[in-house]
């Protein structure tokens, strides 16, 4: 359990810091979640040479194109497969 100091500082337990690989100087985000607060470590940016970054970008672009092709094949040919009028007519007495 951690306590909040008079300067509104909180100590992160070592077990959690080790589990999430948080080191001194790392930044964390505080997110409001209903009646609680989530503490989320910011992910470190990958430090890679431009050729590696370009290769990873190209691979991600190819994956996205594949997802878009699969989505266009599975989509109904006539739009959604239903009309707005059909939605408004549901549940009404005939």
PDB file of N, CA and C in Angstrom:
ATOM      1  N   UNK A   1       0.847  -1.161   0.000  1.00  0.00           N
ATOM      2  CA  UNK A   1       0.000   0.000   0.000  1.00  0.00           C
ATOM      3  C   UNK A   1       0.903   1.237   0.000  1.00  0.00           C
ATOM      4  N   UNK A   2       0.487   2.241  -0.764  1.00  0.00           N
ATOM      5  CA  UNK A   2       1.241   3.492  -0.837  1.00  0.00           C
ATOM      6  C   UNK A   2       0.455   4.596  -0.161  1.00  0.00           C
ATOM      7  N   UNK A   3       1.188   5.583   0.333  1.00  0.00           N
ATOM      8  CA  UNK A   3       0.561   6.766   0.928  1.00  0.00           C
ATOM      9  C   UNK A   3       0.851   7.966   0.058  1.00  0.00           C
ATOM     10  N   UNK A   4      -0.054   8.922   0.105  1.00  0.00           N
ATOM     11  CA  UNK A   4       0.152  10.188  -0.600  1.00  0.00           C
ATOM     12  C   UNK A   4       0.826  11.131   0.384  1.00  0.00           C
ATOM     13  N   UNK A   5       1.949  11.748  -0.026  1.00  0.00           N
ATOM     14  CA  UNK A   5       2.675  12.657   0.855  1.00  0.00           C
ATOM     15  C   UNK A   5       2.014  14.030   0.855  1.00  0.00           C
ATOM     16  N   UNK A   6       2.516  14.924   1.691  1.00  0.00           N
ATOM     17  CA  UNK A   6       1.977  16.285   1.756  1.00  0.00           C
ATOM     18  C   UNK A   6       2.196  17.036   0.443  1.00  0.00           C
ATOM     19  N   UNK A   7       3.158  16.573  -0.369  1.00  0.00           N
ATOM     20  CA  UNK A   7       3.415  17.190  -1.676  1.00  0.00           C
ATOM     21  C   UNK A   7       2.662  16.465  -2.798  1.00  0.00           C
ATOM     22  N   UNK A   8       1.683  15.603  -2.401  1.00  0.00           N
ATOM     23  CA  UNK A   8       0.865  14.829  -3.333  1.00  0.00           C
ATOM     24  C   UNK A   8       1.711  13.881  -4.193  1.00  0.00           C
ATOM     25  N   UNK A   9       2.753  13.325  -3.611  1.00  0.00           N
ATOM     26  CA  UNK A   9       3.579  12.351  -4.302  1.00  0.00           C
ATOM     27  C   UNK A   9       3.220  10.952  -3.825  1.00  0.00           C
ATOM     28  N   UNK A  10       3.372   9.983  -4.725  1.00  0.00           N
ATOM     29  CA  UNK A  10       3.043   8.591  -4.417  1.00  0.00           C
ATOM     30  C   UNK A  10       4.256   7.731  -4.746  1.00  0.00           C
ATOM     31  N   UNK A  11       4.557   6.765  -3.887  1.00  0.00           N
ATOM     32  CA  UNK A  11       5.648   5.825  -4.132  1.00  0.00           C
ATOM     33  C   UNK A  11       5.083   4.582  -4.800  1.00  0.00           C
ATOM     34  N   UNK A  12       5.700   4.193  -5.894  1.00  0.00           N
ATOM     35  CA  UNK A  12       5.291   2.993  -6.611  1.00  0.00           C
ATOM     36  C   UNK A  12       5.976   1.791  -5.979  1.00  0.00           C
ATOM     37  N   UNK A  13       5.232   0.768  -5.600  1.00  0.00           N
ATOM     38  CA  UNK A  13       5.856  -0.419  -5.015  1.00  0.00           C
ATOM     39  C   UNK A  13       6.839  -1.062  -5.992  1.00  0.00           C
ATOM     40  N   UNK A  14       7.961  -1.542  -5.464  1.00  0.00           N
ATOM     41  CA  UNK A  14       9.019  -2.114  -6.295  1.00  0.00           C
ATOM     42  C   UNK A  14       8.525  -3.290  -7.123  1.00  0.00           C
ATOM     43  N   UNK A  15       7.656  -4.117  -6.565  1.00  0.00           N
ATOM     44  CA  UNK A  15       7.151  -5.280  -7.299  1.00  0.00           C
ATOM     45  C   UNK A  15       6.404  -4.840  -8.567  1.00  0.00           C
ATOM     46  N   UNK A  16       5.623  -3.781  -8.464  1.00  0.00           N
ATOM     47  CA  UNK A  16       4.902  -3.284  -9.640  1.00  0.00           C
ATOM     48  C   UNK A  16       5.844  -2.632 -10.635  1.00  0.00           C
ATOM     49  N   UNK A  17       6.819  -1.887 -10.126  1.00  0.00           N
ATOM     50  CA  UNK A  17       7.798  -1.261 -11.017  1.00  0.00           C
ATOM     51  C   UNK A  17       8.562  -2.325 -11.797  1.00  0.00           C
ATOM     52  N   UNK A  18       8.938  -3.408 -11.131  1.00  0.00           N
ATOM     53  CA  UNK A  18       9.641  -4.495 -11.810  1.00  0.00           C
ATOM     54  C   UNK A  18       8.731  -5.194 -12.819  1.00  0.00           C
ATOM     55  N   UNK A  19       7.487  -5.444 -12.432  1.00  0.00           N
ATOM     56  CA  UNK A  19       6.551  -6.152 -13.301  1.00  0.00           C
ATOM     57  C   UNK A  19       6.290  -5.376 -14.592  1.00  0.00           C
ATOM     58  N   UNK A  20       6.157  -4.053 -14.507  1.00  0.00           N
ATOM     59  CA  UNK A  20       5.838  -3.235 -15.678  1.00  0.00           C
ATOM     60  C   UNK A  20       7.060  -2.510 -16.245  1.00  0.00           C
ATOM     61  N   UNK A  21       8.221  -2.875 -15.755  1.00  0.00           N
ATOM     62  CA  UNK A  21       9.495  -2.328 -16.248  1.00  0.00           C
ATOM     63  C   UNK A  21       9.505  -0.798 -16.213  1.00  0.00           C
ATOM     64  N   UNK A  22       9.096  -0.247 -15.075  1.00  0.00           N
ATOM     65  CA  UNK A  22       9.110   1.200 -14.879  1.00  0.00           C
ATOM     66  C   UNK A  22      10.389   1.545 -14.137  1.00  0.00           C
ATOM     67  N   UNK A  23      11.131   2.497 -14.677  1.00  0.00           N
ATOM     68  CA  UNK A  23      12.403   2.893 -14.084  1.00  0.00           C
ATOM     69  C   UNK A  23      12.348   4.360 -13.683  1.00  0.00           C
ATOM     70  N   UNK A  24      13.257   4.797 -12.817  1.00  0.00           N
ATOM     71  CA  UNK A  24      13.289   6.214 -12.438  1.00  0.00           C
ATOM     72  C   UNK A  24      13.408   7.095 -13.684  1.00  0.00           C
ATOM     73  N   UNK A  25      12.601   8.122 -13.749  1.00  0.00           N
ATOM     74  CA  UNK A  25      12.605   9.033 -14.887  1.00  0.00           C
ATOM     75  C   UNK A  25      11.551   8.704 -15.923  1.00  0.00           C
ATOM     76  N   UNK A  26      10.957   7.492 -15.873  1.00  0.00           N
ATOM     77  CA  UNK A  26       9.895   7.142 -16.809  1.00  0.00           C
ATOM     78  C   UNK A  26       8.648   7.953 -16.502  1.00  0.00           C
ATOM     79  N   UNK A  27       7.839   8.191 -17.526  1.00  0.00           N
ATOM     80  CA  UNK A  27       6.596   8.923 -17.344  1.00  0.00           C
ATOM     81  C   UNK A  27       5.440   7.937 -17.247  1.00  0.00           C
ATOM     82  N   UNK A  28       4.445   8.291 -16.444  1.00  0.00           N
ATOM     83  CA  UNK A  28       3.237   7.482 -16.319  1.00  0.00           C
ATOM     84  C   UNK A  28       2.040   8.395 -16.519  1.00  0.00           C
ATOM     85  N   UNK A  29       0.937   7.817 -16.979  1.00  0.00           N
ATOM     86  CA  UNK A  29      -0.310   8.557 -17.159  1.00  0.00           C
ATOM     87  C   UNK A  29      -1.291   8.140 -16.075  1.00  0.00           C
ATOM     88  N   UNK A  30      -2.090   9.086 -15.610  1.00  0.00           N
ATOM     89  CA  UNK A  30      -3.129   8.843 -14.622  1.00  0.00           C
ATOM     90  C   UNK A  30      -4.462   8.985 -15.351  1.00  0.00           C
ATOM     91  N   UNK A  31      -5.234   7.900 -15.423  1.00  0.00           N
ATOM     92  CA  UNK A  31      -6.493   7.909 -16.152  1.00  0.00           C
ATOM     93  C   UNK A  31      -7.653   7.710 -15.187  1.00  0.00           C
ATOM     94  N   UNK A  32      -8.657   8.572 -15.298  1.00  0.00           N
ATOM     95  CA  UNK A  32      -9.860   8.437 -14.468  1.00  0.00           C
ATOM     96  C   UNK A  32     -10.694   7.299 -15.034  1.00  0.00           C
ATOM     97  N   UNK A  33     -11.116   6.379 -14.170  1.00  0.00           N
ATOM     98  CA  UNK A  33     -11.927   5.233 -14.585  1.00  0.00           C
ATOM     99  C   UNK A  33     -13.060   5.045 -13.591  1.00  0.00           C
ATOM    100  N   UNK A  34     -14.162   5.727 -13.832  1.00  0.00           N
ATOM    101  CA  UNK A  34     -15.300   5.628 -12.919  1.00  0.00           C
ATOM    102  C   UNK A  34     -14.946   6.218 -11.570  1.00  0.00           C
ATOM    103  N   UNK A  35     -14.978   5.393 -10.534  1.00  0.00           N
ATOM    104  CA  UNK A  35     -14.658   5.842  -9.186  1.00  0.00           C
ATOM    105  C   UNK A  35     -13.193   5.601  -8.828  1.00  0.00           C
ATOM    106  N   UNK A  36     -12.392   5.194  -9.797  1.00  0.00           N
ATOM    107  CA  UNK A  36     -11.000   4.876  -9.512  1.00  0.00           C
ATOM    108  C   UNK A  36     -10.047   5.575 -10.464  1.00  0.00           C
ATOM    109  N   UNK A  37      -8.787   5.275 -10.289  1.00  0.00           N
ATOM    110  CA  UNK A  37      -7.731   5.853 -11.117  1.00  0.00           C
ATOM    111  C   UNK A  37      -6.857   4.719 -11.623  1.00  0.00           C
ATOM    112  N   UNK A  38      -6.565   4.718 -12.913  1.00  0.00           N
ATOM    113  CA  UNK A  38      -5.630   3.759 -13.504  1.00  0.00           C
ATOM    114  C   UNK A  38      -4.296   4.469 -13.697  1.00  0.00           C
ATOM    115  N   UNK A  39      -3.231   3.817 -13.310  1.00  0.00           N
ATOM    116  CA  UNK A  39      -1.887   4.332 -13.540  1.00  0.00           C
ATOM    117  C   UNK A  39      -1.306   3.513 -14.686  1.00  0.00           C
ATOM    118  N   UNK A  40      -0.975   4.191 -15.788  1.00  0.00           N
ATOM    119  CA  UNK A  40      -0.537   3.502 -16.991  1.00  0.00           C
ATOM    120  C   UNK A  40       0.842   4.013 -17.392  1.00  0.00           C
ATOM    121  N   UNK A  41       1.835   3.115 -17.504  1.00  0.00           N
ATOM    122  CA  UNK A  41       3.152   3.575 -17.944  1.00  0.00           C
ATOM    123  C   UNK A  41       3.111   3.948 -19.419  1.00  0.00           C
ATOM    124  N   UNK A  42       3.761   5.045 -19.756  1.00  0.00           N
ATOM    125  CA  UNK A  42       3.868   5.414 -21.162  1.00  0.00           C
ATOM    126  C   UNK A  42       4.861   4.477 -21.805  1.00  0.00           C
ATOM    127  N   UNK A  43       4.552   4.048 -22.982  1.00  0.00           N
ATOM    128  CA  UNK A  43       5.438   3.134 -23.693  1.00  0.00           C
ATOM    129  C   UNK A  43       6.606   3.902 -24.281  1.00  0.00           C
ATOM    130  N   UNK A  44       7.759   3.299 -24.175  1.00  0.00           N
ATOM    131  CA  UNK A  44       8.954   3.932 -24.716  1.00  0.00           C
ATOM    132  C   UNK A  44       8.957   3.816 -26.228  1.00  0.00           C
ATOM    133  N   UNK A  45       9.421   4.855 -26.884  1.00  0.00           N
ATOM    134  CA  UNK A  45       9.540   4.818 -28.328  1.00  0.00           C
ATOM    135  C   UNK A  45      10.715   3.933 -28.710  1.00  0.00           C
ATOM    136  N   UNK A  46      10.521   3.192 -29.769  1.00  0.00           N
ATOM    137  CA  UNK A  46      11.583   2.323 -30.224  1.00  0.00           C
ATOM    138  C   UNK A  46      12.663   3.174 -30.881  1.00  0.00           C
ATOM    139  N   UNK A  47      13.881   2.986 -30.472  1.00  0.00           N
ATOM    140  CA  UNK A  47      14.997   3.703 -31.071  1.00  0.00           C
ATOM    141  C   UNK A  47      15.639   2.775 -32.093  1.00  0.00           C
ATOM    142  N   UNK A  48      15.300   3.004 -33.340  1.00  0.00           N
ATOM    143  CA  UNK A  48      15.829   2.156 -34.399  1.00  0.00           C
ATOM    144  C   UNK A  48      16.325   3.039 -35.532  1.00  0.00           C
ATOM    145  N   UNK A  49      17.171   2.460 -36.333  1.00  0.00           N
ATOM    146  CA  UNK A  49      17.698   3.215 -37.470  1.00  0.00           C
ATOM    147  C   UNK A  49      16.579   3.414 -38.501  1.00  0.00           C
ATOM    148  N   UNK A  50      16.709   4.403 -39.376  1.00  0.00           N
ATOM    149  CA  UNK A  50      15.650   4.695 -40.350  1.00  0.00           C
ATOM    150  C   UNK A  50      15.293   3.509 -41.242  1.00  0.00           C
ATOM    151  N   UNK A  51      16.244   2.682 -41.609  1.00  0.00           N
ATOM    152  CA  UNK A  51      15.943   1.532 -42.475  1.00  0.00           C
ATOM    153  C   UNK A  51      15.026   0.540 -41.761  1.00  0.00           C
ATOM    154  N   UNK A  52      15.268   0.292 -40.476  1.00  0.00           N
ATOM    155  CA  UNK A  52      14.417  -0.620 -39.710  1.00  0.00           C
ATOM    156  C   UNK A  52      13.029  -0.034 -39.537  1.00  0.00           C
ATOM    157  N   UNK A  53      12.957   1.242 -39.220  1.00  0.00           N
ATOM    158  CA  UNK A  53      11.656   1.886 -39.058  1.00  0.00           C
ATOM    159  C   UNK A  53      10.863   1.854 -40.357  1.00  0.00           C
ATOM    160  N   UNK A  54      11.515   2.076 -41.497  1.00  0.00           N
ATOM    161  CA  UNK A  54      10.842   2.033 -42.790  1.00  0.00           C
ATOM    162  C   UNK A  54      10.347   0.626 -43.104  1.00  0.00           C
ATOM    163  N   UNK A  55      11.161  -0.383 -42.789  1.00  0.00           N
ATOM    164  CA  UNK A  55      10.747  -1.770 -43.009  1.00  0.00           C
ATOM    165  C   UNK A  55       9.515  -2.115 -42.170  1.00  0.00           C
ATOM    166  N   UNK A  56       9.501  -1.690 -40.902  1.00  0.00           N
ATOM    167  CA  UNK A  56       8.347  -1.943 -40.031  1.00  0.00           C
ATOM    168  C   UNK A  56       7.110  -1.207 -40.519  1.00  0.00           C
ATOM    169  N   UNK A  57       7.300   0.028 -41.006  1.00  0.00           N
ATOM    170  CA  UNK A  57       6.176   0.797 -41.534  1.00  0.00           C
ATOM    171  C   UNK A  57       5.587   0.107 -42.762  1.00  0.00           C
ATOM    172  N   UNK A  58       6.449  -0.365 -43.666  1.00  0.00           N
ATOM    173  CA  UNK A  58       5.975  -1.060 -44.863  1.00  0.00           C
ATOM    174  C   UNK A  58       5.216  -2.336 -44.506  1.00  0.00           C
ATOM    175  N   UNK A  59       5.705  -3.070 -43.515  1.00  0.00           N
ATOM    176  CA  UNK A  59       5.024  -4.289 -43.088  1.00  0.00           C
ATOM    177  C   UNK A  59       3.652  -3.966 -42.502  1.00  0.00           C
ATOM    178  N   UNK A  60       3.556  -2.904 -41.712  1.00  0.00           N
ATOM    179  CA  UNK A  60       2.274  -2.510 -41.135  1.00  0.00           C
ATOM    180  C   UNK A  60       1.308  -2.061 -42.226  1.00  0.00           C
ATOM    181  N   UNK A  61       1.818  -1.360 -43.234  1.00  0.00           N
ATOM    182  CA  UNK A  61       0.980  -0.921 -44.344  1.00  0.00           C
ATOM    183  C   UNK A  61       0.432  -2.119 -45.111  1.00  0.00           C
ATOM    184  N   UNK A  62       1.263  -3.122 -45.350  1.00  0.00           N
ATOM    185  CA  UNK A  62       0.806  -4.335 -46.035  1.00  0.00           C
ATOM    186  C   UNK A  62      -0.268  -5.054 -45.225  1.00  0.00           C
ATOM    187  N   UNK A  63      -0.083  -5.140 -43.905  1.00  0.00           N
ATOM    188  CA  UNK A  63      -1.110  -5.777 -43.056  1.00  0.00           C
ATOM    189  C   UNK A  63      -2.428  -5.027 -43.147  1.00  0.00           C
ATOM    190  N   UNK A  64      -2.380  -3.691 -43.130  1.00  0.00           N
ATOM    191  CA  UNK A  64      -3.602  -2.895 -43.201  1.00  0.00           C
ATOM    192  C   UNK A  64      -4.305  -3.096 -44.545  1.00  0.00           C
ATOM    193  N   UNK A  65      -3.547  -3.135 -45.633  1.00  0.00           N
ATOM    194  CA  UNK A  65      -4.151  -3.367 -46.953  1.00  0.00           C
ATOM    195  C   UNK A  65      -4.833  -4.731 -46.998  1.00  0.00           C
ATOM    196  N   UNK A  66      -4.213  -5.731 -46.395  1.00  0.00           N
ATOM    197  CA  UNK A  66      -4.824  -7.063 -46.341  1.00  0.00           C
ATOM    198  C   UNK A  66      -6.124  -7.050 -45.555  1.00  0.00           C
ATOM    199  N   UNK A  67      -6.143  -6.335 -44.430  1.00  0.00           N
ATOM    200  CA  UNK A  67      -7.379  -6.234 -43.642  1.00  0.00           C
ATOM    201  C   UNK A  67      -8.473  -5.542 -44.440  1.00  0.00           C
ATOM    202  N   UNK A  68      -8.118  -4.502 -45.178  1.00  0.00           N
ATOM    203  CA  UNK A  68      -9.114  -3.785 -45.971  1.00  0.00           C
ATOM    204  C   UNK A  68      -9.649  -4.662 -47.100  1.00  0.00           C
ATOM    205  N   UNK A  69      -8.780  -5.464 -47.728  1.00  0.00           N
ATOM    206  CA  UNK A  69      -9.247  -6.363 -48.791  1.00  0.00           C
ATOM    207  C   UNK A  69     -10.213  -7.402 -48.235  1.00  0.00           C
ATOM    208  N   UNK A  70      -9.874  -7.980 -47.078  1.00  0.00           N
ATOM    209  CA  UNK A  70     -10.763  -8.982 -46.476  1.00  0.00           C
ATOM    210  C   UNK A  70     -12.089  -8.361 -46.078  1.00  0.00           C
ATOM    211  N   UNK A  71     -12.070  -7.138 -45.576  1.00  0.00           N
ATOM    212  CA  UNK A  71     -13.309  -6.477 -45.158  1.00  0.00           C
ATOM    213  C   UNK A  71     -14.186  -6.172 -46.361  1.00  0.00           C
ATOM    214  N   UNK A  72     -13.592  -5.782 -47.488  1.00  0.00           N
ATOM    215  CA  UNK A  72     -14.406  -5.450 -48.664  1.00  0.00           C
ATOM    216  C   UNK A  72     -15.019  -6.708 -49.268  1.00  0.00           C
ATOM    217  N   UNK A  73     -14.357  -7.866 -49.134  1.00  0.00           N
ATOM    218  CA  UNK A  73     -14.931  -9.109 -49.658  1.00  0.00           C
ATOM    219  C   UNK A  73     -16.092  -9.595 -48.809  1.00  0.00           C
ATOM    220  N   UNK A  74     -16.044  -9.357 -47.498  1.00  0.00           N
ATOM    221  CA  UNK A  74     -17.086  -9.866 -46.617  1.00  0.00           C
ATOM    222  C   UNK A  74     -18.265  -8.909 -46.485  1.00  0.00           C
ATOM    223  N   UNK A  75     -18.142  -7.682 -46.992  1.00  0.00           N
ATOM    224  CA  UNK A  75     -19.236  -6.710 -46.895  1.00  0.00           C
ATOM    225  C   UNK A  75     -20.341  -7.082 -47.874  1.00  0.00           C
ATOM    226  N   UNK A  76     -21.610  -6.877 -47.495  1.00  0.00           N
ATOM    227  CA  UNK A  76     -22.700  -7.158 -48.421  1.00  0.00           C
ATOM    228  C   UNK A  76     -22.590  -6.268 -49.662  1.00  0.00           C
ATOM    229  N   UNK A  77     -23.017  -6.793 -50.794  1.00  0.00           N
ATOM    230  CA  UNK A  77     -22.920  -6.055 -52.053  1.00  0.00           C
ATOM    231  C   UNK A  77     -23.892  -4.873 -52.090  1.00  0.00           C
ATOM    232  N   UNK A  78     -25.031  -4.994 -51.436  1.00  0.00           N
ATOM    233  CA  UNK A  78     -26.058  -3.945 -51.480  1.00  0.00           C
ATOM    234  C   UNK A  78     -26.028  -3.106 -50.217  1.00  0.00           C
ATOM    235  N   UNK A  79     -24.907  -2.661 -49.786  1.00  0.00           N
ATOM    236  CA  UNK A  79     -24.844  -1.845 -48.572  1.00  0.00           C
ATOM    237  C   UNK A  79     -24.818  -2.708 -47.330  1.00  0.00           C
ATOM    238  N   UNK A  80     -25.648  -2.360 -46.360  1.00  0.00           N
ATOM    239  CA  UNK A  80     -25.620  -3.024 -45.052  1.00  0.00           C
ATOM    240  C   UNK A  80     -26.431  -4.307 -45.005  1.00  0.00           C
ATOM    241  N   UNK A  81     -27.347  -4.456 -45.930  1.00  0.00           N
ATOM    242  CA  UNK A  81     -28.228  -5.611 -45.862  1.00  0.00           C
ATOM    243  C   UNK A  81     -29.553  -5.273 -45.216  1.00  0.00           C
ATOM    244  N   UNK A  82     -29.754  -4.015 -44.847  1.00  0.00           N
ATOM    245  CA  UNK A  82     -31.009  -3.536 -44.275  1.00  0.00           C
ATOM    246  C   UNK A  82     -31.161  -2.059 -44.617  1.00  0.00           C
ATOM    247  N   UNK A  83     -32.372  -1.563 -44.478  1.00  0.00           N
ATOM    248  CA  UNK A  83     -32.629  -0.148 -44.751  1.00  0.00           C
ATOM    249  C   UNK A  83     -33.085   0.538 -43.485  1.00  0.00           C
ATOM    250  N   UNK A  84     -32.999   1.831 -43.485  1.00  0.00           N
ATOM    251  CA  UNK A  84     -33.441   2.614 -42.337  1.00  0.00           C
ATOM    252  C   UNK A  84     -34.942   2.425 -42.092  1.00  0.00           C
ATOM    253  N   UNK A  85     -35.711   2.330 -43.171  1.00  0.00           N
ATOM    254  CA  UNK A  85     -37.154   2.142 -43.047  1.00  0.00           C
ATOM    255  C   UNK A  85     -37.485   0.825 -42.348  1.00  0.00           C
ATOM    256  N   UNK A  86     -36.697  -0.215 -42.619  1.00  0.00           N
ATOM    257  CA  UNK A  86     -36.916  -1.491 -41.955  1.00  0.00           C
ATOM    258  C   UNK A  86     -36.681  -1.371 -40.453  1.00  0.00           C
ATOM    259  N   UNK A  87     -35.724  -0.574 -40.053  1.00  0.00           N
ATOM    260  CA  UNK A  87     -35.463  -0.391 -38.627  1.00  0.00           C
ATOM    261  C   UNK A  87     -36.614   0.315 -37.938  1.00  0.00           C
ATOM    262  N   UNK A  88     -37.143   1.344 -38.580  1.00  0.00           N
ATOM    263  CA  UNK A  88     -38.218   2.099 -37.951  1.00  0.00           C
ATOM    264  C   UNK A  88     -39.526   1.330 -37.938  1.00  0.00           C
ATOM    265  N   UNK A  89     -39.666   0.351 -38.807  1.00  0.00           N
ATOM    266  CA  UNK A  89     -40.902  -0.430 -38.843  1.00  0.00           C
ATOM    267  C   UNK A  89     -40.906  -1.584 -37.871  1.00  0.00           C
ATOM    268  N   UNK A  90     -39.794  -1.906 -37.268  1.00  0.00           N
ATOM    269  CA  UNK A  90     -39.731  -3.040 -36.347  1.00  0.00           C
ATOM    270  C   UNK A  90     -40.468  -2.732 -35.053  1.00  0.00           C
ATOM    271  N   UNK A  91     -41.125  -3.727 -34.533  1.00  0.00           N
ATOM    272  CA  UNK A  91     -41.752  -3.623 -33.223  1.00  0.00           C
ATOM    273  C   UNK A  91     -43.089  -2.892 -33.214  1.00  0.00           C
ATOM    274  N   UNK A  92     -43.518  -2.392 -34.335  1.00  0.00           N
ATOM    275  CA  UNK A  92     -44.811  -1.699 -34.389  1.00  0.00           C
ATOM    276  C   UNK A  92     -45.907  -2.700 -34.756  1.00  0.00           C
ATOM    277  N   UNK A  93     -47.096  -2.462 -34.245  1.00  0.00           N
ATOM    278  CA  UNK A  93     -48.192  -3.352 -34.619  1.00  0.00           C
ATOM    279  C   UNK A  93     -48.508  -3.185 -36.118  1.00  0.00           C
ATOM    280  N   UNK A  94     -48.894  -4.266 -36.737  1.00  0.00           N
ATOM    281  CA  UNK A  94     -49.173  -4.223 -38.181  1.00  0.00           C
ATOM    282  C   UNK A  94     -50.620  -4.050 -38.457  1.00  0.00           C
TER     283      UNK A  94
END
